[in-house]
């Protein structure tokens, strides 16, 4: 009986150590992985706007009108490419995450507010989820594999 208890206890301790090691690895590599995943949608979208500028302006006109469409796409390219690359590399991450989160919420309100259309509602909710993830990045920072960690930045510098 005592031997069985000792084996179970040691197995649980080994499992606990294993879980702690995995959690430590997640703390180290998780922020980098999250930044890569979050930044990809913005970098690819910004690049698509650059390569199809005219089509992007025509689409933007549906949300902001023809007079502001060109300016809106220029701003969108700057935020998506600039903010996406800042997220990817972890540079000025807190400001970048807040800017991209604000942009994402604005895009949701301007282009995905037709809740009668299931696809638009899904895109609206996706934008809310992305903005929520970006708020986590703004609060907790870029993690150890980032430009900010090498610069020894102060929060919200």
C-alpha atoms as a PDB file:
ATOM      1  CA  UNK A   1       0.000   0.000   0.000  1.00  0.00           C
ATOM      2  CA  UNK A   2       2.747   2.451   0.954  1.00  0.00           C
ATOM      3  CA  UNK A   3       4.768   1.552  -2.170  1.00  0.00           C
ATOM      4  CA  UNK A   4       1.716   2.145  -4.397  1.00  0.00           C
ATOM      5  CA  UNK A   5       1.157   5.567  -2.783  1.00  0.00           C
ATOM      6  CA  UNK A   6       4.848   6.465  -3.274  1.00  0.00           C
ATOM      7  CA  UNK A   7       4.725   5.501  -6.970  1.00  0.00           C
ATOM      8  CA  UNK A   8       1.528   7.516  -7.572  1.00  0.00           C
ATOM      9  CA  UNK A   9       2.936  10.486  -5.656  1.00  0.00           C
ATOM     10  CA  UNK A  10       6.199  10.397  -7.652  1.00  0.00           C
ATOM     11  CA  UNK A  11       4.277  10.097 -10.934  1.00  0.00           C
ATOM     12  CA  UNK A  12       2.210  13.156  -9.980  1.00  0.00           C
ATOM     13  CA  UNK A  13       5.348  15.090  -9.077  1.00  0.00           C
ATOM     14  CA  UNK A  14       6.913  14.129 -12.408  1.00  0.00           C
ATOM     15  CA  UNK A  15       3.740  15.229 -14.207  1.00  0.00           C
ATOM     16  CA  UNK A  16       3.732  18.506 -12.292  1.00  0.00           C
ATOM     17  CA  UNK A  17       7.368  19.148 -13.257  1.00  0.00           C
ATOM     18  CA  UNK A  18       6.564  18.321 -16.879  1.00  0.00           C
ATOM     19  CA  UNK A  19       3.598  20.735 -16.890  1.00  0.00           C
ATOM     20  CA  UNK A  20       5.717  23.457 -15.285  1.00  0.00           C
ATOM     21  CA  UNK A  21       8.396  22.981 -17.960  1.00  0.00           C
ATOM     22  CA  UNK A  22       5.805  23.242 -20.731  1.00  0.00           C
ATOM     23  CA  UNK A  23       4.319  26.358 -19.154  1.00  0.00           C
ATOM     24  CA  UNK A  24       7.780  27.925 -18.927  1.00  0.00           C
ATOM     25  CA  UNK A  25       8.362  27.163 -22.615  1.00  0.00           C
ATOM     26  CA  UNK A  26       4.979  28.710 -23.382  1.00  0.00           C
ATOM     27  CA  UNK A  27       5.929  31.842 -21.413  1.00  0.00           C
ATOM     28  CA  UNK A  28       9.132  32.121 -23.436  1.00  0.00           C
ATOM     29  CA  UNK A  29       7.923  31.242 -26.946  1.00  0.00           C
ATOM     30  CA  UNK A  30       4.183  32.007 -26.680  1.00  0.00           C
ATOM     31  CA  UNK A  31       4.427  35.796 -27.081  1.00  0.00           C
ATOM     32  CA  UNK A  32       6.545  35.421 -30.239  1.00  0.00           C
ATOM     33  CA  UNK A  33       4.125  32.874 -31.686  1.00  0.00           C
ATOM     34  CA  UNK A  34       1.150  35.075 -30.814  1.00  0.00           C
ATOM     35  CA  UNK A  35       2.789  38.143 -32.364  1.00  0.00           C
ATOM     36  CA  UNK A  36       3.506  36.234 -35.571  1.00  0.00           C
ATOM     37  CA  UNK A  37      -0.068  34.986 -35.802  1.00  0.00           C
ATOM     38  CA  UNK A  38      -1.582  38.386 -35.013  1.00  0.00           C
ATOM     39  CA  UNK A  39       0.694  40.303 -37.370  1.00  0.00           C
ATOM     40  CA  UNK A  40       0.225  38.085 -40.429  1.00  0.00           C
ATOM     41  CA  UNK A  41      -3.335  39.204 -41.139  1.00  0.00           C
ATOM     42  CA  UNK A  42      -2.303  42.860 -41.082  1.00  0.00           C
ATOM     43  CA  UNK A  43       0.906  42.492 -43.090  1.00  0.00           C
ATOM     44  CA  UNK A  44      -0.783  40.422 -45.799  1.00  0.00           C
ATOM     45  CA  UNK A  45      -3.796  42.735 -45.933  1.00  0.00           C
ATOM     46  CA  UNK A  46      -1.591  45.824 -46.175  1.00  0.00           C
ATOM     47  CA  UNK A  47       0.469  44.235 -48.936  1.00  0.00           C
ATOM     48  CA  UNK A  48      -2.733  43.328 -50.820  1.00  0.00           C
ATOM     49  CA  UNK A  49      -3.875  46.962 -50.605  1.00  0.00           C
ATOM     50  CA  UNK A  50      -0.548  48.141 -52.029  1.00  0.00           C
ATOM     51  CA  UNK A  51      -0.681  45.690 -54.937  1.00  0.00           C
ATOM     52  CA  UNK A  52      -4.360  46.440 -55.706  1.00  0.00           C
ATOM     53  CA  UNK A  53      -4.560  50.084 -54.721  1.00  0.00           C
ATOM     54  CA  UNK A  54      -7.369  51.039 -57.130  1.00  0.00           C
ATOM     55  CA  UNK A  55      -9.582  48.133 -56.086  1.00  0.00           C
ATOM     56  CA  UNK A  56      -8.910  48.906 -52.440  1.00  0.00           C
ATOM     57  CA  UNK A  57      -9.933  52.546 -52.925  1.00  0.00           C
ATOM     58  CA  UNK A  58     -13.143  51.456 -54.648  1.00  0.00           C
ATOM     59  CA  UNK A  59     -13.965  49.121 -51.753  1.00  0.00           C
ATOM     60  CA  UNK A  60     -13.113  51.787 -49.165  1.00  0.00           C
ATOM     61  CA  UNK A  61     -15.558  54.159 -50.858  1.00  0.00           C
ATOM     62  CA  UNK A  62     -18.412  51.889 -49.727  1.00  0.00           C
ATOM     63  CA  UNK A  63     -17.619  52.655 -46.094  1.00  0.00           C
ATOM     64  CA  UNK A  64     -16.194  56.199 -46.016  1.00  0.00           C
ATOM     65  CA  UNK A  65     -17.356  57.709 -49.301  1.00  0.00           C
ATOM     66  CA  UNK A  66     -15.425  58.525 -52.461  1.00  0.00           C
ATOM     67  CA  UNK A  67     -13.869  61.738 -51.178  1.00  0.00           C
ATOM     68  CA  UNK A  68     -12.062  60.027 -48.275  1.00  0.00           C
ATOM     69  CA  UNK A  69     -11.432  56.623 -49.853  1.00  0.00           C
ATOM     70  CA  UNK A  70      -7.884  57.302 -51.096  1.00  0.00           C
ATOM     71  CA  UNK A  71      -6.826  58.816 -47.779  1.00  0.00           C
ATOM     72  CA  UNK A  72      -8.461  55.929 -45.916  1.00  0.00           C
ATOM     73  CA  UNK A  73      -6.493  53.357 -47.928  1.00  0.00           C
ATOM     74  CA  UNK A  74      -3.216  55.223 -47.411  1.00  0.00           C
ATOM     75  CA  UNK A  75      -3.879  55.239 -43.659  1.00  0.00           C
ATOM     76  CA  UNK A  76      -4.930  51.580 -43.784  1.00  0.00           C
ATOM     77  CA  UNK A  77      -1.701  50.624 -45.566  1.00  0.00           C
ATOM     78  CA  UNK A  78       0.375  52.542 -43.020  1.00  0.00           C
ATOM     79  CA  UNK A  79      -1.419  50.951 -40.068  1.00  0.00           C
ATOM     80  CA  UNK A  80      -1.573  47.443 -41.511  1.00  0.00           C
ATOM     81  CA  UNK A  81       1.966  47.250 -42.878  1.00  0.00           C
ATOM     82  CA  UNK A  82       3.622  49.499 -40.302  1.00  0.00           C
ATOM     83  CA  UNK A  83       1.669  48.236 -37.312  1.00  0.00           C
ATOM     84  CA  UNK A  84       1.857  44.635 -38.525  1.00  0.00           C
ATOM     85  CA  UNK A  85       5.644  44.790 -38.849  1.00  0.00           C
ATOM     86  CA  UNK A  86       5.936  46.494 -35.452  1.00  0.00           C
ATOM     87  CA  UNK A  87       3.858  43.670 -33.952  1.00  0.00           C
ATOM     88  CA  UNK A  88       5.931  41.044 -35.730  1.00  0.00           C
ATOM     89  CA  UNK A  89       9.262  42.377 -34.489  1.00  0.00           C
ATOM     90  CA  UNK A  90       8.004  43.578 -31.104  1.00  0.00           C
ATOM     91  CA  UNK A  91       9.023  47.196 -31.643  1.00  0.00           C
ATOM     92  CA  UNK A  92       7.137  49.837 -29.596  1.00  0.00           C
ATOM     93  CA  UNK A  93       4.689  46.998 -29.126  1.00  0.00           C
ATOM     94  CA  UNK A  94       2.297  48.656 -26.714  1.00  0.00           C
ATOM     95  CA  UNK A  95       1.676  51.670 -28.963  1.00  0.00           C
ATOM     96  CA  UNK A  96       1.531  49.500 -32.081  1.00  0.00           C
ATOM     97  CA  UNK A  97      -0.977  47.107 -30.495  1.00  0.00           C
ATOM     98  CA  UNK A  98      -3.213  49.971 -29.358  1.00  0.00           C
ATOM     99  CA  UNK A  99      -3.107  51.636 -32.778  1.00  0.00           C
ATOM    100  CA  UNK A 100      -3.870  48.408 -34.626  1.00  0.00           C
ATOM    101  CA  UNK A 101      -6.627  47.514 -32.121  1.00  0.00           C
ATOM    102  CA  UNK A 102      -8.267  50.912 -32.672  1.00  0.00           C
ATOM    103  CA  UNK A 103      -7.971  50.501 -36.434  1.00  0.00           C
ATOM    104  CA  UNK A 104      -9.484  47.001 -36.214  1.00  0.00           C
ATOM    105  CA  UNK A 105     -12.454  48.232 -34.179  1.00  0.00           C
ATOM    106  CA  UNK A 106     -13.000  51.115 -36.615  1.00  0.00           C
ATOM    107  CA  UNK A 107     -12.903  48.694 -39.564  1.00  0.00           C
ATOM    108  CA  UNK A 108     -15.475  46.492 -37.807  1.00  0.00           C
ATOM    109  CA  UNK A 109     -17.820  49.437 -37.336  1.00  0.00           C
ATOM    110  CA  UNK A 110     -17.396  50.806 -40.866  1.00  0.00           C
ATOM    111  CA  UNK A 111     -17.409  47.612 -42.922  1.00  0.00           C
ATOM    112  CA  UNK A 112     -18.883  44.743 -40.907  1.00  0.00           C
ATOM    113  CA  UNK A 113     -21.883  46.241 -39.123  1.00  0.00           C
ATOM    114  CA  UNK A 114     -24.620  44.509 -41.166  1.00  0.00           C
ATOM    115  CA  UNK A 115     -25.734  41.888 -38.661  1.00  0.00           C
ATOM    116  CA  UNK A 116     -28.460  40.628 -40.990  1.00  0.00           C
ATOM    117  CA  UNK A 117     -25.621  39.193 -43.091  1.00  0.00           C
ATOM    118  CA  UNK A 118     -24.078  36.217 -41.280  1.00  0.00           C
ATOM    119  CA  UNK A 119     -20.697  36.687 -42.985  1.00  0.00           C
ATOM    120  CA  UNK A 120     -20.538  40.327 -41.900  1.00  0.00           C
ATOM    121  CA  UNK A 121     -21.471  39.421 -38.342  1.00  0.00           C
ATOM    122  CA  UNK A 122     -18.732  36.765 -38.315  1.00  0.00           C
ATOM    123  CA  UNK A 123     -16.201  39.324 -39.581  1.00  0.00           C
ATOM    124  CA  UNK A 124     -17.389  41.825 -36.975  1.00  0.00           C
ATOM    125  CA  UNK A 125     -16.877  39.275 -34.188  1.00  0.00           C
ATOM    126  CA  UNK A 126     -13.465  38.300 -35.664  1.00  0.00           C
ATOM    127  CA  UNK A 127     -12.389  41.932 -35.522  1.00  0.00           C
ATOM    128  CA  UNK A 128     -13.533  42.179 -31.899  1.00  0.00           C
ATOM    129  CA  UNK A 129     -11.533  39.054 -31.034  1.00  0.00           C
ATOM    130  CA  UNK A 130      -8.417  40.394 -32.778  1.00  0.00           C
ATOM    131  CA  UNK A 131      -8.780  43.721 -30.952  1.00  0.00           C
ATOM    132  CA  UNK A 132      -9.069  41.805 -27.666  1.00  0.00           C
ATOM    133  CA  UNK A 133      -5.870  39.905 -28.419  1.00  0.00           C
ATOM    134  CA  UNK A 134      -4.131  43.156 -29.276  1.00  0.00           C
ATOM    135  CA  UNK A 135      -5.222  44.640 -25.948  1.00  0.00           C
ATOM    136  CA  UNK A 136      -3.490  41.711 -24.217  1.00  0.00           C
ATOM    137  CA  UNK A 137      -0.344  42.513 -26.186  1.00  0.00           C
ATOM    138  CA  UNK A 138      -0.638  46.191 -25.217  1.00  0.00           C
ATOM    139  CA  UNK A 139      -0.976  45.269 -21.545  1.00  0.00           C
ATOM    140  CA  UNK A 140       1.570  42.447 -21.231  1.00  0.00           C
ATOM    141  CA  UNK A 141       4.152  43.475 -23.824  1.00  0.00           C
ATOM    142  CA  UNK A 142       6.108  41.715 -26.523  1.00  0.00           C
ATOM    143  CA  UNK A 143       7.861  38.975 -24.586  1.00  0.00           C
ATOM    144  CA  UNK A 144      11.519  37.989 -24.523  1.00  0.00           C
ATOM    145  CA  UNK A 145      12.086  37.609 -28.292  1.00  0.00           C
ATOM    146  CA  UNK A 146      11.443  41.180 -29.391  1.00  0.00           C
ATOM    147  CA  UNK A 147      13.159  44.425 -30.211  1.00  0.00           C
ATOM    148  CA  UNK A 148      11.589  45.977 -27.112  1.00  0.00           C
ATOM    149  CA  UNK A 149      13.107  43.359 -24.811  1.00  0.00           C
ATOM    150  CA  UNK A 150      16.546  44.074 -26.231  1.00  0.00           C
ATOM    151  CA  UNK A 151      16.041  47.837 -25.817  1.00  0.00           C
ATOM    152  CA  UNK A 152      15.012  47.569 -22.138  1.00  0.00           C
ATOM    153  CA  UNK A 153      11.952  49.739 -22.769  1.00  0.00           C
ATOM    154  CA  UNK A 154       9.727  51.194 -20.126  1.00  0.00           C
ATOM    155  CA  UNK A 155       5.995  50.410 -20.514  1.00  0.00           C
ATOM    156  CA  UNK A 156       4.263  52.812 -22.914  1.00  0.00           C
ATOM    157  CA  UNK A 157       7.561  54.534 -23.777  1.00  0.00           C
END
